[in-house]
Amino acid sequence: MTWFLGALLMPLSAQLSNQIVQSLKKGDVNAFSRFFGEEITLIIGKESSELNKEEAKSKLNDFFIEASRRS
């Protein structure tokens, strides 16, 4: 029974992983933030921050804006 349940959940897990990767590649903070809890630890470079979901979205958005300016 456990194996069967794992086999059913495997495609879902792979699909979620793909959605996370694609949202990061696109710099899509709104899509990526769907996977956040209400509070997260956000680590960018050497800086670590304990943030609520909205603060994390804002900080990540700033990160992607700055990254796009550099490229």
PDB file of N, CA and C in Angstrom:
ATOM      1  N   MET A   1       0.820  -1.194   0.000  1.00  0.00           N
ATOM      2  CA  MET A   1       0.000   0.000   0.000  1.00  0.00           C
ATOM      3  C   MET A   1       0.866   1.261   0.000  1.00  0.00           C
ATOM      4  N   THR A   2       1.926   1.272   0.800  1.00  0.00           N
ATOM      5  CA  THR A   2       2.807   2.437   0.858  1.00  0.00           C
ATOM      6  C   THR A   2       3.449   2.689  -0.494  1.00  0.00           C
ATOM      7  N   TRP A   3       3.900   1.637  -1.156  1.00  0.00           N
ATOM      8  CA  TRP A   3       4.531   1.780  -2.467  1.00  0.00           C
ATOM      9  C   TRP A   3       3.544   2.386  -3.460  1.00  0.00           C
ATOM     10  N   PHE A   4       2.295   1.928  -3.443  1.00  0.00           N
ATOM     11  CA  PHE A   4       1.272   2.428  -4.356  1.00  0.00           C
ATOM     12  C   PHE A   4       1.026   3.916  -4.132  1.00  0.00           C
ATOM     13  N   LEU A   5       0.920   4.319  -2.885  1.00  0.00           N
ATOM     14  CA  LEU A   5       0.711   5.727  -2.559  1.00  0.00           C
ATOM     15  C   LEU A   5       1.904   6.557  -3.023  1.00  0.00           C
ATOM     16  N   GLY A   6       3.102   6.056  -2.798  1.00  0.00           N
ATOM     17  CA  GLY A   6       4.307   6.750  -3.259  1.00  0.00           C
ATOM     18  C   GLY A   6       4.325   6.880  -4.771  1.00  0.00           C
ATOM     19  N   ALA A   7       3.906   5.854  -5.478  1.00  0.00           N
ATOM     20  CA  ALA A   7       3.867   5.893  -6.939  1.00  0.00           C
ATOM     21  C   ALA A   7       2.859   6.922  -7.434  1.00  0.00           C
ATOM     22  N   LEU A   8       1.765   7.086  -6.715  1.00  0.00           N
ATOM     23  CA  LEU A   8       0.768   8.085  -7.099  1.00  0.00           C
ATOM     24  C   LEU A   8       1.268   9.505  -6.847  1.00  0.00           C
ATOM     25  N   LEU A   9       2.002   9.701  -5.771  1.00  0.00           N
ATOM     26  CA  LEU A   9       2.462  11.038  -5.408  1.00  0.00           C
ATOM     27  C   LEU A   9       3.711  11.470  -6.163  1.00  0.00           C
ATOM     28  N   MET A  10       4.466  10.538  -6.712  1.00  0.00           N
ATOM     29  CA  MET A  10       5.710  10.866  -7.405  1.00  0.00           C
ATOM     30  C   MET A  10       5.499  11.865  -8.540  1.00  0.00           C
ATOM     31  N   PRO A  11       4.543  11.657  -9.454  1.00  0.00           N
ATOM     32  CA  PRO A  11       4.355  12.645 -10.523  1.00  0.00           C
ATOM     33  C   PRO A  11       3.955  14.018  -9.986  1.00  0.00           C
ATOM     34  N   LEU A  12       3.175  14.058  -8.923  1.00  0.00           N
ATOM     35  CA  LEU A  12       2.775  15.325  -8.324  1.00  0.00           C
ATOM     36  C   LEU A  12       3.996  16.052  -7.772  1.00  0.00           C
ATOM     37  N   SER A  13       4.860  15.325  -7.107  1.00  0.00           N
ATOM     38  CA  SER A  13       6.079  15.906  -6.550  1.00  0.00           C
ATOM     39  C   SER A  13       6.975  16.440  -7.662  1.00  0.00           C
ATOM     40  N   ALA A  14       7.131  15.690  -8.726  1.00  0.00           N
ATOM     41  CA  ALA A  14       7.955  16.128  -9.854  1.00  0.00           C
ATOM     42  C   ALA A  14       7.346  17.361 -10.513  1.00  0.00           C
ATOM     43  N   GLN A  15       6.039  17.397 -10.616  1.00  0.00           N
ATOM     44  CA  GLN A  15       5.360  18.541 -11.218  1.00  0.00           C
ATOM     45  C   GLN A  15       5.559  19.795 -10.368  1.00  0.00           C
ATOM     46  N   LEU A  16       5.440  19.661  -9.045  1.00  0.00           N
ATOM     47  CA  LEU A  16       5.660  20.801  -8.157  1.00  0.00           C
ATOM     48  C   LEU A  16       7.098  21.282  -8.242  1.00  0.00           C
ATOM     49  N   SER A  17       8.043  20.355  -8.273  1.00  0.00           N
ATOM     50  CA  SER A  17       9.451  20.733  -8.405  1.00  0.00           C
ATOM     51  C   SER A  17       9.674  21.507  -9.687  1.00  0.00           C
ATOM     52  N   ASN A  18       9.075  21.064 -10.768  1.00  0.00           N
ATOM     53  CA  ASN A  18       9.212  21.746 -12.050  1.00  0.00           C
ATOM     54  C   ASN A  18       8.607  23.147 -11.991  1.00  0.00           C
ATOM     55  N   GLN A  19       7.466  23.288 -11.331  1.00  0.00           N
ATOM     56  CA  GLN A  19       6.836  24.608 -11.200  1.00  0.00           C
ATOM     57  C   GLN A  19       7.720  25.559 -10.398  1.00  0.00           C
ATOM     58  N   ILE A  20       8.348  25.047  -9.364  1.00  0.00           N
ATOM     59  CA  ILE A  20       9.250  25.871  -8.553  1.00  0.00           C
ATOM     60  C   ILE A  20      10.443  26.316  -9.384  1.00  0.00           C
ATOM     61  N   VAL A  21      11.058  25.388 -10.082  1.00  0.00           N
ATOM     62  CA  VAL A  21      12.229  25.707 -10.911  1.00  0.00           C
ATOM     63  C   VAL A  21      11.860  26.713 -11.991  1.00  0.00           C
ATOM     64  N   GLN A  22      10.741  26.508 -12.665  1.00  0.00           N
ATOM     65  CA  GLN A  22      10.334  27.418 -13.738  1.00  0.00           C
ATOM     66  C   GLN A  22      10.038  28.820 -13.206  1.00  0.00           C
ATOM     67  N   SER A  23       9.408  28.911 -12.040  1.00  0.00           N
ATOM     68  CA  SER A  23       9.115  30.236 -11.487  1.00  0.00           C
ATOM     69  C   SER A  23      10.404  30.965 -11.124  1.00  0.00           C
ATOM     70  N   LEU A  24      11.402  30.242 -10.638  1.00  0.00           N
ATOM     71  CA  LEU A  24      12.692  30.868 -10.329  1.00  0.00           C
ATOM     72  C   LEU A  24      13.423  31.294 -11.596  1.00  0.00           C
ATOM     73  N   LYS A  25      13.394  30.445 -12.613  1.00  0.00           N
ATOM     74  CA  LYS A  25      14.056  30.797 -13.880  1.00  0.00           C
ATOM     75  C   LYS A  25      13.456  32.059 -14.489  1.00  0.00           C
ATOM     76  N   LYS A  26      12.149  32.213 -14.353  1.00  0.00           N
ATOM     77  CA  LYS A  26      11.457  33.378 -14.915  1.00  0.00           C
ATOM     78  C   LYS A  26      11.527  34.594 -13.996  1.00  0.00           C
ATOM     79  N   GLY A  27      11.933  34.382 -12.750  1.00  0.00           N
ATOM     80  CA  GLY A  27      11.900  35.476 -11.777  1.00  0.00           C
ATOM     81  C   GLY A  27      10.482  35.841 -11.391  1.00  0.00           C
ATOM     82  N   ASP A  28       9.585  34.863 -11.443  1.00  0.00           N
ATOM     83  CA  ASP A  28       8.163  35.082 -11.154  1.00  0.00           C
ATOM     84  C   ASP A  28       7.904  34.895  -9.657  1.00  0.00           C
ATOM     85  N   VAL A  29       8.006  35.979  -8.919  1.00  0.00           N
ATOM     86  CA  VAL A  29       7.868  35.937  -7.463  1.00  0.00           C
ATOM     87  C   VAL A  29       6.477  35.472  -7.048  1.00  0.00           C
ATOM     88  N   ASN A  30       5.437  35.898  -7.744  1.00  0.00           N
ATOM     89  CA  ASN A  30       4.073  35.496  -7.375  1.00  0.00           C
ATOM     90  C   ASN A  30       3.878  33.995  -7.510  1.00  0.00           C
ATOM     91  N   ALA A  31       4.381  33.412  -8.598  1.00  0.00           N
ATOM     92  CA  ALA A  31       4.261  31.965  -8.779  1.00  0.00           C
ATOM     93  C   ALA A  31       5.091  31.223  -7.737  1.00  0.00           C
ATOM     94  N   PHE A  32       6.295  31.708  -7.487  1.00  0.00           N
ATOM     95  CA  PHE A  32       7.180  31.061  -6.519  1.00  0.00           C
ATOM     96  C   PHE A  32       6.623  31.155  -5.100  1.00  0.00           C
ATOM     97  N   SER A  33       6.027  32.280  -4.767  1.00  0.00           N
ATOM     98  CA  SER A  33       5.549  32.496  -3.397  1.00  0.00           C
ATOM     99  C   SER A  33       4.355  31.611  -3.035  1.00  0.00           C
ATOM    100  N   ARG A  34       3.733  30.985  -4.012  1.00  0.00           N
ATOM    101  CA  ARG A  34       2.643  30.044  -3.707  1.00  0.00           C
ATOM    102  C   ARG A  34       3.141  28.875  -2.866  1.00  0.00           C
ATOM    103  N   PHE A  35       4.446  28.637  -2.906  1.00  0.00           N
ATOM    104  CA  PHE A  35       5.029  27.518  -2.177  1.00  0.00           C
ATOM    105  C   PHE A  35       5.554  27.926  -0.804  1.00  0.00           C
ATOM    106  N   PHE A  36       5.403  29.199  -0.426  1.00  0.00           N
ATOM    107  CA  PHE A  36       5.841  29.705   0.877  1.00  0.00           C
ATOM    108  C   PHE A  36       4.831  29.334   1.952  1.00  0.00           C
ATOM    109  N   GLY A  37       5.326  29.196   3.169  1.00  0.00           N
ATOM    110  CA  GLY A  37       4.465  29.156   4.340  1.00  0.00           C
ATOM    111  C   GLY A  37       4.185  30.597   4.738  1.00  0.00           C
ATOM    112  N   GLU A  38       3.542  30.797   5.862  1.00  0.00           N
ATOM    113  CA  GLU A  38       3.266  32.169   6.309  1.00  0.00           C
ATOM    114  C   GLU A  38       4.531  32.883   6.766  1.00  0.00           C
ATOM    115  N   GLU A  39       5.512  32.129   7.255  1.00  0.00           N
ATOM    116  CA  GLU A  39       6.805  32.696   7.635  1.00  0.00           C
ATOM    117  C   GLU A  39       7.895  31.813   7.048  1.00  0.00           C
ATOM    118  N   ILE A  40       8.937  32.453   6.523  1.00  0.00           N
ATOM    119  CA  ILE A  40      10.027  31.689   5.929  1.00  0.00           C
ATOM    120  C   ILE A  40      11.364  32.306   6.319  1.00  0.00           C
ATOM    121  N   THR A  41      12.402  31.503   6.177  1.00  0.00           N
ATOM    122  CA  THR A  41      13.766  32.000   6.285  1.00  0.00           C
ATOM    123  C   THR A  41      14.265  32.161   4.861  1.00  0.00           C
ATOM    124  N   LEU A  42      14.596  33.381   4.497  1.00  0.00           N
ATOM    125  CA  LEU A  42      15.073  33.685   3.152  1.00  0.00           C
ATOM    126  C   LEU A  42      16.569  33.946   3.236  1.00  0.00           C
ATOM    127  N   ILE A  43      17.335  33.193   2.465  1.00  0.00           N
ATOM    128  CA  ILE A  43      18.785  33.357   2.444  1.00  0.00           C
ATOM    129  C   ILE A  43      19.188  33.779   1.042  1.00  0.00           C
ATOM    130  N   ILE A  44      19.770  34.961   0.946  1.00  0.00           N
ATOM    131  CA  ILE A  44      20.283  35.475  -0.324  1.00  0.00           C
ATOM    132  C   ILE A  44      21.738  35.839  -0.076  1.00  0.00           C
ATOM    133  N   GLY A  45      22.624  35.127  -0.759  1.00  0.00           N
ATOM    134  CA  GLY A  45      24.048  35.334  -0.516  1.00  0.00           C
ATOM    135  C   GLY A  45      24.378  34.939   0.911  1.00  0.00           C
ATOM    136  N   LYS A  46      24.983  35.850   1.643  1.00  0.00           N
ATOM    137  CA  LYS A  46      25.351  35.581   3.036  1.00  0.00           C
ATOM    138  C   LYS A  46      24.336  36.151   4.022  1.00  0.00           C
ATOM    139  N   GLU A  47      23.262  36.737   3.512  1.00  0.00           N
ATOM    140  CA  GLU A  47      22.247  37.366   4.360  1.00  0.00           C
ATOM    141  C   GLU A  47      21.068  36.419   4.581  1.00  0.00           C
ATOM    142  N   SER A  48      20.732  36.211   5.841  1.00  0.00           N
ATOM    143  CA  SER A  48      19.606  35.364   6.217  1.00  0.00           C
ATOM    144  C   SER A  48      18.569  36.221   6.938  1.00  0.00           C
ATOM    145  N   SER A  49      17.301  36.073   6.555  1.00  0.00           N
ATOM    146  CA  SER A  49      16.233  36.872   7.157  1.00  0.00           C
ATOM    147  C   SER A  49      15.033  35.997   7.482  1.00  0.00           C
ATOM    148  N   GLU A  50      14.447  36.224   8.651  1.00  0.00           N
ATOM    149  CA  GLU A  50      13.179  35.599   9.032  1.00  0.00           C
ATOM    150  C   GLU A  50      12.084  36.574   8.623  1.00  0.00           C
ATOM    151  N   LEU A  51      11.247  36.177   7.663  1.00  0.00           N
ATOM    152  CA  LEU A  51      10.267  37.099   7.098  1.00  0.00           C
ATOM    153  C   LEU A  51       8.889  36.468   7.016  1.00  0.00           C
ATOM    154  N   ASN A  52       7.855  37.323   7.031  1.00  0.00           N
ATOM    155  CA  ASN A  52       6.530  36.798   6.723  1.00  0.00           C
ATOM    156  C   ASN A  52       6.426  36.705   5.196  1.00  0.00           C
ATOM    157  N   LYS A  53       5.369  36.109   4.729  1.00  0.00           N
ATOM    158  CA  LYS A  53       5.224  35.829   3.302  1.00  0.00           C
ATOM    159  C   LYS A  53       5.314  37.095   2.448  1.00  0.00           C
ATOM    160  N   GLU A  54       4.637  38.150   2.843  1.00  0.00           N
ATOM    161  CA  GLU A  54       4.634  39.389   2.050  1.00  0.00           C
ATOM    162  C   GLU A  54       6.005  40.061   2.038  1.00  0.00           C
ATOM    163  N   GLU A  55       6.691  40.053   3.184  1.00  0.00           N
ATOM    164  CA  GLU A  55       8.039  40.627   3.243  1.00  0.00           C
ATOM    165  C   GLU A  55       8.996  39.841   2.348  1.00  0.00           C
ATOM    166  N   ALA A  56       8.865  38.525   2.376  1.00  0.00           N
ATOM    167  CA  ALA A  56       9.722  37.671   1.554  1.00  0.00           C
ATOM    168  C   ALA A  56       9.468  37.920   0.067  1.00  0.00           C
ATOM    169  N   LYS A  57       8.203  38.063  -0.309  1.00  0.00           N
ATOM    170  CA  LYS A  57       7.883  38.355  -1.712  1.00  0.00           C
ATOM    171  C   LYS A  57       8.532  39.668  -2.144  1.00  0.00           C
ATOM    172  N   SER A  58       8.444  40.679  -1.302  1.00  0.00           N
ATOM    173  CA  SER A  58       9.012  41.980  -1.615  1.00  0.00           C
ATOM    174  C   SER A  58      10.533  41.907  -1.756  1.00  0.00           C
ATOM    175  N   LYS A  59      11.173  41.226  -0.820  1.00  0.00           N
ATOM    176  CA  LYS A  59      12.632  41.114  -0.849  1.00  0.00           C
ATOM    177  C   LYS A  59      13.090  40.307  -2.064  1.00  0.00           C
ATOM    178  N   LEU A  60      12.375  39.247  -2.382  1.00  0.00           N
ATOM    179  CA  LEU A  60      12.717  38.445  -3.552  1.00  0.00           C
ATOM    180  C   LEU A  60      12.500  39.230  -4.837  1.00  0.00           C
ATOM    181  N   ASN A  61      11.443  40.001  -4.889  1.00  0.00           N
ATOM    182  CA  ASN A  61      11.180  40.836  -6.055  1.00  0.00           C
ATOM    183  C   ASN A  61      12.327  41.826  -6.258  1.00  0.00           C
ATOM    184  N   ASP A  62      12.775  42.457  -5.172  1.00  0.00           N
ATOM    185  CA  ASP A  62      13.918  43.372  -5.252  1.00  0.00           C
ATOM    186  C   ASP A  62      15.160  42.646  -5.761  1.00  0.00           C
ATOM    187  N   PHE A  63      15.357  41.415  -5.291  1.00  0.00           N
ATOM    188  CA  PHE A  63      16.501  40.616  -5.733  1.00  0.00           C
ATOM    189  C   PHE A  63      16.456  40.381  -7.242  1.00  0.00           C
ATOM    190  N   PHE A  64      15.296  39.980  -7.757  1.00  0.00           N
ATOM    191  CA  PHE A  64      15.184  39.707  -9.189  1.00  0.00           C
ATOM    192  C   PHE A  64      15.329  40.978 -10.021  1.00  0.00           C
ATOM    193  N   ILE A  65      14.827  42.093  -9.533  1.00  0.00           N
ATOM    194  CA  ILE A  65      14.997  43.367 -10.246  1.00  0.00           C
ATOM    195  C   ILE A  65      16.474  43.720 -10.326  1.00  0.00           C
ATOM    196  N   GLU A  66      17.177  43.611  -9.204  1.00  0.00           N
ATOM    197  CA  GLU A  66      18.610  43.915  -9.173  1.00  0.00           C
ATOM    198  C   GLU A  66      19.389  42.953 -10.071  1.00  0.00           C
ATOM    199  N   ALA A  67      19.036  41.681 -10.041  1.00  0.00           N
ATOM    200  CA  ALA A  67      19.721  40.689 -10.872  1.00  0.00           C
ATOM    201  C   ALA A  67      19.519  40.980 -12.355  1.00  0.00           C
ATOM    202  N   SER A  68      18.324  41.422 -12.735  1.00  0.00           N
ATOM    203  CA  SER A  68      18.069  41.716 -14.153  1.00  0.00           C
ATOM    204  C   SER A  68      18.842  42.951 -14.602  1.00  0.00           C
ATOM    205  N   ARG A  69      19.084  43.880 -13.706  1.00  0.00           N
ATOM    206  CA  ARG A  69      19.879  45.070 -14.043  1.00  0.00           C
ATOM    207  C   ARG A  69      21.337  44.712 -14.301  1.00  0.00           C
ATOM    208  N   ARG A  70      21.812  43.712 -13.588  1.00  0.00           N
ATOM    209  CA  ARG A  70      23.217  43.306 -13.711  1.00  0.00           C
ATOM    210  C   ARG A  70      23.488  42.503 -14.974  1.00  0.00           C
ATOM    211  N   SER A  71      22.462  41.889 -15.524  1.00  0.00           N
ATOM    212  CA  SER A  71      22.694  41.030 -16.693  1.00  0.00           C
ATOM    213  C   SER A  71      22.532  41.747 -18.003  1.00  0.00           C
TER     214      SER A  71
END
